[in-house]
């Protein structure tokens, strides 16, 4: 029983990070139809900037705020300099642009920071917490709690604010949103900035557990994309469910089969979803954008 709980907590922790990355994918996809493969680099920047700013003597909470602000700036620059000028381009072209941006950000991080792995101190110490016989790191609760707060705040923003409803309207029908006076350009910029903030927070929360480096975002982007596909691309709740499910699958497979094939499960999920249910678990069977 203790072993199962250990695997479940590990899976939920990493799954919460995948869910946040998938939420970033979903937010941008809904607003602009762009699949942003630079999303993993937002996670990397959140962790790396926090590490280096805190190493310079800045208190950790303030360093985290600086990292989030810097990552939001990068997200807005990505939209302004790469996505907005390519408005009207084919989806394949936009995907290639985001892949190029991902490579550029990794190269810039390698030059600006270094090639080493870095770690942040755990927010609540390193003494494990006993949960039904399993030893759980306190940082896992920060990851799970942070992910839950972000999901709730995003839901409240989309459902309870005028600007959030403008995002939903743009996602549903961009032309109609423009005709009723919604500035869709601002909405798309907001989506990029919001997804960058979500990615940065995920990077800050997970760095005390998994370490970070200049290329840490590559695999996270693939896992987040797999989670978004599993839940249904464009569905925020599906992104969360897909991320948690993918994390649990990985943890259980690593624990009961072999850790050698742990990372392969994300790619297996993508293949299964694409062949068996392209709309994902919670996605619509057909999406028509006018």
Protein backbone atom coordinates (compact mmCIF):
# COMPACT_ATOMS: atom_id res chain seq x y z
CA UNK A 1 0.00 0.00 0.00
CA UNK A 2 2.78 2.42 0.95
CA UNK A 3 4.54 1.69 -2.35
CA UNK A 4 1.38 2.46 -4.35
CA UNK A 5 0.82 5.72 -2.46
CA UNK A 6 4.45 6.65 -3.14
CA UNK A 7 3.97 6.12 -6.87
CA UNK A 8 0.63 7.96 -6.88
CA UNK A 9 2.02 11.02 -5.10
CA UNK A 10 5.03 11.07 -7.41
CA UNK A 11 2.75 10.78 -10.44
CA UNK A 12 0.40 13.51 -9.24
CA UNK A 13 3.32 15.85 -8.57
CA UNK A 14 4.89 15.53 -12.01
CA UNK A 15 1.42 15.34 -13.56
CA UNK A 16 0.55 18.72 -12.04
CA UNK A 17 3.53 20.22 -13.86
CA UNK A 18 2.47 18.57 -17.12
CA UNK A 19 -1.02 19.98 -16.52
CA UNK A 20 0.34 23.52 -16.17
CA UNK A 21 2.38 23.18 -19.36
CA UNK A 22 -0.70 21.77 -21.13
CA UNK A 23 -2.74 24.72 -19.86
CA UNK A 24 -0.22 27.05 -21.48
CA UNK A 25 -0.61 25.19 -24.76
CA UNK A 26 -4.40 25.37 -24.47
CA UNK A 27 -4.55 29.07 -23.60
CA UNK A 28 -2.51 30.08 -26.64
CA UNK A 29 -4.22 27.58 -28.96
CA UNK A 30 -7.68 28.84 -28.04
CA UNK A 31 -6.79 32.49 -28.58
CA UNK A 32 -4.66 32.22 -31.70
CA UNK A 33 -4.80 28.66 -33.15
CA UNK A 34 -1.03 28.43 -32.51
CA UNK A 35 0.56 25.30 -31.01
CA UNK A 36 3.41 26.93 -29.10
CA UNK A 37 6.34 24.53 -28.79
CA UNK A 38 8.31 27.20 -26.94
CA UNK A 39 6.08 26.59 -23.91
CA UNK A 40 8.71 24.36 -22.30
CA UNK A 41 11.22 27.20 -22.48
CA UNK A 42 8.88 29.33 -20.36
CA UNK A 43 9.15 26.63 -17.67
CA UNK A 44 12.94 26.57 -18.02
CA UNK A 45 13.19 30.37 -17.77
CA UNK A 46 11.07 30.42 -14.61
CA UNK A 47 13.46 28.05 -12.87
CA UNK A 48 16.75 29.38 -14.28
CA UNK A 49 16.03 33.07 -13.72
CA UNK A 50 14.92 32.37 -10.15
CA UNK A 51 18.11 30.38 -9.47
CA UNK A 52 20.46 33.07 -10.76
CA UNK A 53 18.58 36.05 -9.32
CA UNK A 54 18.40 34.41 -5.88
CA UNK A 55 22.10 33.50 -6.16
CA UNK A 56 22.78 37.23 -6.58
CA UNK A 57 21.39 37.79 -3.08
CA UNK A 58 17.77 38.58 -3.86
CA UNK A 59 15.26 36.90 -1.48
CA UNK A 60 13.65 33.84 -3.05
CA UNK A 61 10.06 35.22 -3.19
CA UNK A 62 11.25 38.39 -4.92
CA UNK A 63 13.50 36.37 -7.25
CA UNK A 64 10.47 34.28 -8.22
CA UNK A 65 8.48 37.43 -9.02
CA UNK A 66 11.36 38.72 -11.16
CA UNK A 67 11.47 35.39 -13.00
CA UNK A 68 7.73 35.45 -13.70
CA UNK A 69 7.90 39.05 -14.93
CA UNK A 70 10.91 38.30 -17.15
CA UNK A 71 9.22 35.24 -18.64
CA UNK A 72 6.04 37.20 -19.34
CA UNK A 73 8.21 39.73 -21.19
CA UNK A 74 9.70 36.92 -23.27
CA UNK A 75 6.23 35.59 -24.06
CA UNK A 76 5.02 39.00 -25.19
CA UNK A 77 8.14 39.48 -27.33
CA UNK A 78 7.57 36.07 -28.92
CA UNK A 79 4.08 37.13 -29.91
CA UNK A 80 5.05 40.64 -31.07
CA UNK A 81 8.17 39.69 -33.03
CA UNK A 82 7.34 36.23 -34.37
CA UNK A 83 3.64 35.38 -34.24
CA UNK A 84 1.92 38.68 -35.00
CA UNK A 85 3.99 39.38 -38.17
CA UNK A 86 3.08 35.89 -39.43
CA UNK A 87 -0.66 36.43 -38.98
CA UNK A 88 -2.52 34.49 -41.65
CA UNK A 89 0.27 31.95 -42.15
CA UNK A 90 -0.53 28.23 -42.24
CA UNK A 91 -0.56 26.24 -38.97
CA UNK A 92 2.56 24.35 -40.06
CA UNK A 93 4.43 27.63 -40.58
CA UNK A 94 3.39 28.88 -37.14
CA UNK A 95 4.50 25.62 -35.53
CA UNK A 96 7.90 25.92 -37.23
CA UNK A 97 8.18 29.50 -35.95
CA UNK A 98 7.55 28.37 -32.36
CA UNK A 99 10.06 25.52 -32.72
CA UNK A 100 12.61 28.06 -33.99
CA UNK A 101 11.80 30.32 -31.02
CA UNK A 102 12.34 27.36 -28.69
CA UNK A 103 15.78 26.69 -30.18
CA UNK A 104 16.65 30.39 -29.95
CA UNK A 105 15.61 30.60 -26.29
CA UNK A 106 17.63 27.50 -25.41
CA UNK A 107 20.71 28.93 -27.11
CA UNK A 108 20.27 32.28 -25.39
CA UNK A 109 19.85 30.56 -22.00
CA UNK A 110 23.01 28.53 -22.62
CA UNK A 111 24.97 31.73 -23.26
CA UNK A 112 23.32 33.86 -20.57
CA UNK A 113 23.42 31.21 -17.84
CA UNK A 114 25.48 28.02 -18.28
CA UNK A 115 25.19 24.30 -19.10
CA UNK A 116 25.05 23.08 -15.51
CA UNK A 117 22.11 21.70 -13.56
CA UNK A 118 20.77 23.96 -10.83
CA UNK A 119 18.51 23.48 -7.83
CA UNK A 120 16.42 25.74 -5.65
CA UNK A 121 15.99 25.06 -1.94
CA UNK A 122 12.72 23.40 -0.97
CA UNK A 123 10.16 25.96 0.18
CA UNK A 124 9.31 24.03 3.38
CA UNK A 125 12.45 22.07 4.09
CA UNK A 126 13.47 18.56 3.04
CA UNK A 127 11.97 16.48 5.85
CA UNK A 128 9.61 13.94 4.22
CA UNK A 129 5.96 13.86 5.25
CA UNK A 130 4.46 10.46 6.02
CA UNK A 131 1.32 9.82 3.94
CA UNK A 132 -0.15 6.33 4.52
CA UNK A 133 3.34 4.96 4.95
CA UNK A 134 4.84 6.76 1.95
CA UNK A 135 7.56 9.41 2.37
CA UNK A 136 6.46 12.49 0.41
CA UNK A 137 8.64 15.55 -0.08
CA UNK A 138 7.02 18.77 1.23
CA UNK A 139 7.72 20.42 -2.13
CA UNK A 140 5.22 18.03 -3.74
CA UNK A 141 2.44 19.73 -1.79
CA UNK A 142 3.64 23.11 -3.06
CA UNK A 143 3.48 21.82 -6.63
CA UNK A 144 0.00 20.33 -6.20
CA UNK A 145 -1.31 23.33 -4.29
CA UNK A 146 0.20 25.82 -6.73
CA UNK A 147 -1.28 23.98 -9.69
CA UNK A 148 -4.72 23.91 -8.01
CA UNK A 149 -4.58 27.66 -7.28
CA UNK A 150 -3.57 28.48 -10.86
CA UNK A 151 -6.39 26.36 -12.28
CA UNK A 152 -8.94 28.03 -9.98
CA UNK A 153 -7.64 31.53 -10.76
CA UNK A 154 -7.69 30.82 -14.48
CA UNK A 155 -11.26 29.51 -14.23
CA UNK A 156 -12.36 32.59 -12.26
CA UNK A 157 -10.64 34.88 -14.76
CA UNK A 158 -12.28 33.25 -17.78
CA UNK A 159 -15.73 32.93 -16.26
CA UNK A 160 -16.04 35.99 -13.99
CA UNK A 161 -14.20 38.85 -15.72
CA UNK A 162 -14.98 40.85 -18.83
CA UNK A 163 -11.46 40.33 -20.18
CA UNK A 164 -11.76 36.59 -19.58
CA UNK A 165 -15.03 36.47 -21.48
CA UNK A 166 -13.29 38.32 -24.31
CA UNK A 167 -10.73 35.50 -24.40
CA UNK A 168 -13.51 32.92 -24.56
CA UNK A 169 -15.30 34.87 -27.28
CA UNK A 170 -12.10 35.07 -29.33
CA UNK A 171 -11.58 31.33 -28.88
CA UNK A 172 -15.14 30.59 -30.02
CA UNK A 173 -15.22 32.87 -33.08
CA UNK A 174 -12.49 35.39 -33.74
CA UNK A 175 -14.33 37.25 -36.51
CA UNK A 176 -17.51 37.60 -34.45
CA UNK A 177 -15.46 38.79 -31.47
CA UNK A 178 -13.81 41.42 -33.63
CA UNK A 179 -17.19 42.56 -34.98
CA UNK A 180 -18.56 43.21 -31.48
CA UNK A 181 -15.55 45.39 -30.62
CA UNK A 182 -13.14 42.96 -28.95
CA UNK A 183 -9.50 43.75 -29.66
CA UNK A 184 -8.40 40.24 -30.63
CA UNK A 185 -4.77 41.34 -30.97
CA UNK A 186 -4.73 42.32 -27.30
CA UNK A 187 -6.43 39.05 -26.38
CA UNK A 188 -3.79 37.02 -28.22
CA UNK A 189 -0.97 38.98 -26.56
CA UNK A 190 -2.66 38.35 -23.21
CA UNK A 191 -2.77 34.63 -23.98
CA UNK A 192 0.97 34.54 -24.68
CA UNK A 193 1.75 36.54 -21.54
CA UNK A 194 -0.56 34.38 -19.43
CA UNK A 195 0.86 31.11 -20.73
CA UNK A 196 4.38 32.41 -20.08
CA UNK A 197 3.42 33.24 -16.48
CA UNK A 198 1.90 29.78 -15.96
CA UNK A 199 5.01 28.13 -17.38
CA UNK A 200 7.33 30.23 -15.21
CA UNK A 201 5.41 29.37 -12.04
CA UNK A 202 5.56 25.68 -12.96
CA UNK A 203 9.33 25.96 -13.41
CA UNK A 204 9.76 27.66 -10.04
CA UNK A 205 7.65 25.06 -8.23
CA UNK A 206 9.31 22.00 -9.75
CA UNK A 207 12.99 23.10 -9.70
CA UNK A 208 13.55 22.12 -6.02
CA UNK A 209 12.55 18.56 -6.98
CA UNK A 210 13.83 17.92 -10.50
CA UNK A 211 16.63 20.49 -10.99
CA UNK A 212 16.75 22.74 -14.04
CA UNK A 213 19.12 23.56 -16.89
CA UNK A 214 19.10 25.47 -20.14
CA UNK A 215 17.56 22.51 -22.02
CA UNK A 216 15.10 21.36 -19.35
CA UNK A 217 12.12 22.71 -21.27
CA UNK A 218 12.40 20.48 -24.33
CA UNK A 219 11.06 17.30 -22.76
CA UNK A 220 8.53 19.23 -20.67
CA UNK A 221 7.10 20.80 -23.84
CA UNK A 222 6.63 17.35 -25.39
CA UNK A 223 5.04 15.99 -22.23
CA UNK A 224 2.77 19.04 -21.94
CA UNK A 225 1.75 18.68 -25.58
CA UNK A 226 0.99 14.99 -24.99
CA UNK A 227 -1.15 15.95 -21.98
CA UNK A 228 -3.02 18.59 -23.99
CA UNK A 229 -3.65 16.08 -26.78
CA UNK A 230 -4.78 13.44 -24.29
CA UNK A 231 -7.27 15.79 -22.63
CA UNK A 232 -8.40 17.39 -25.88
CA UNK A 233 -6.51 20.31 -27.42
CA UNK A 234 -8.32 23.53 -26.56
CA UNK A 235 -10.05 22.19 -23.44
CA UNK A 236 -8.58 23.66 -20.20
CA UNK A 237 -10.12 21.05 -17.91
CA UNK A 238 -9.03 18.36 -20.35
CA UNK A 239 -5.47 19.73 -20.19
CA UNK A 240 -5.45 19.39 -16.40
CA UNK A 241 -6.93 15.88 -16.52
CA UNK A 242 -4.53 14.85 -19.29
CA UNK A 243 -1.51 16.13 -17.37
CA UNK A 244 -2.46 14.33 -14.16
CA UNK A 245 -3.26 11.12 -16.03
CA UNK A 246 0.01 11.21 -17.95
CA UNK A 247 1.97 11.77 -14.74
CA UNK A 248 0.23 8.83 -13.06
CA UNK A 249 0.85 6.58 -16.07
CA UNK A 250 4.54 7.47 -16.04
CA UNK A 251 4.96 6.93 -12.31
CA UNK A 252 3.12 3.60 -12.27
CA UNK A 253 4.97 2.37 -15.35
CA UNK A 254 8.33 3.38 -13.88
CA UNK A 255 7.48 1.73 -10.57
CA UNK A 256 5.94 -1.52 -11.76
CA UNK A 257 7.54 -2.03 -15.18
CA UNK A 258 10.83 -0.14 -15.68
CA UNK A 259 12.01 3.43 -15.27
CA UNK A 260 13.97 2.98 -18.52
CA UNK A 261 10.80 3.46 -20.55
CA UNK A 262 9.24 6.19 -18.39
CA UNK A 263 9.73 9.03 -20.89
CA UNK A 264 8.48 6.90 -23.77
CA UNK A 265 4.95 6.93 -22.38
CA UNK A 266 4.36 10.54 -23.46
CA UNK A 267 5.10 9.62 -27.07
CA UNK A 268 3.01 6.47 -26.85
CA UNK A 269 0.13 8.61 -25.59
CA UNK A 270 0.48 11.00 -28.55
CA UNK A 271 0.43 8.09 -31.01
CA UNK A 272 -2.57 6.40 -29.36
CA UNK A 273 -4.54 9.66 -29.23
CA UNK A 274 -3.76 10.57 -32.83
CA UNK A 275 -4.77 7.14 -34.13
CA UNK A 276 -7.64 6.18 -31.83
CA UNK A 277 -9.26 9.44 -30.67
CA UNK A 278 -7.83 12.56 -32.33
CA UNK A 279 -10.26 14.76 -30.38
CA UNK A 280 -8.80 13.57 -27.03
CA UNK A 281 -10.69 12.42 -23.95
CA UNK A 282 -12.66 15.64 -23.49
CA UNK A 283 -12.28 17.35 -26.86
CA UNK A 284 -14.98 18.04 -29.39
CA UNK A 285 -15.15 15.76 -32.38
CA UNK A 286 -15.16 18.66 -34.81
CA UNK A 287 -14.02 22.24 -34.50
CA UNK A 288 -14.99 24.79 -37.10
CA UNK A 289 -13.38 28.22 -36.91
CA UNK A 290 -14.85 31.03 -38.97
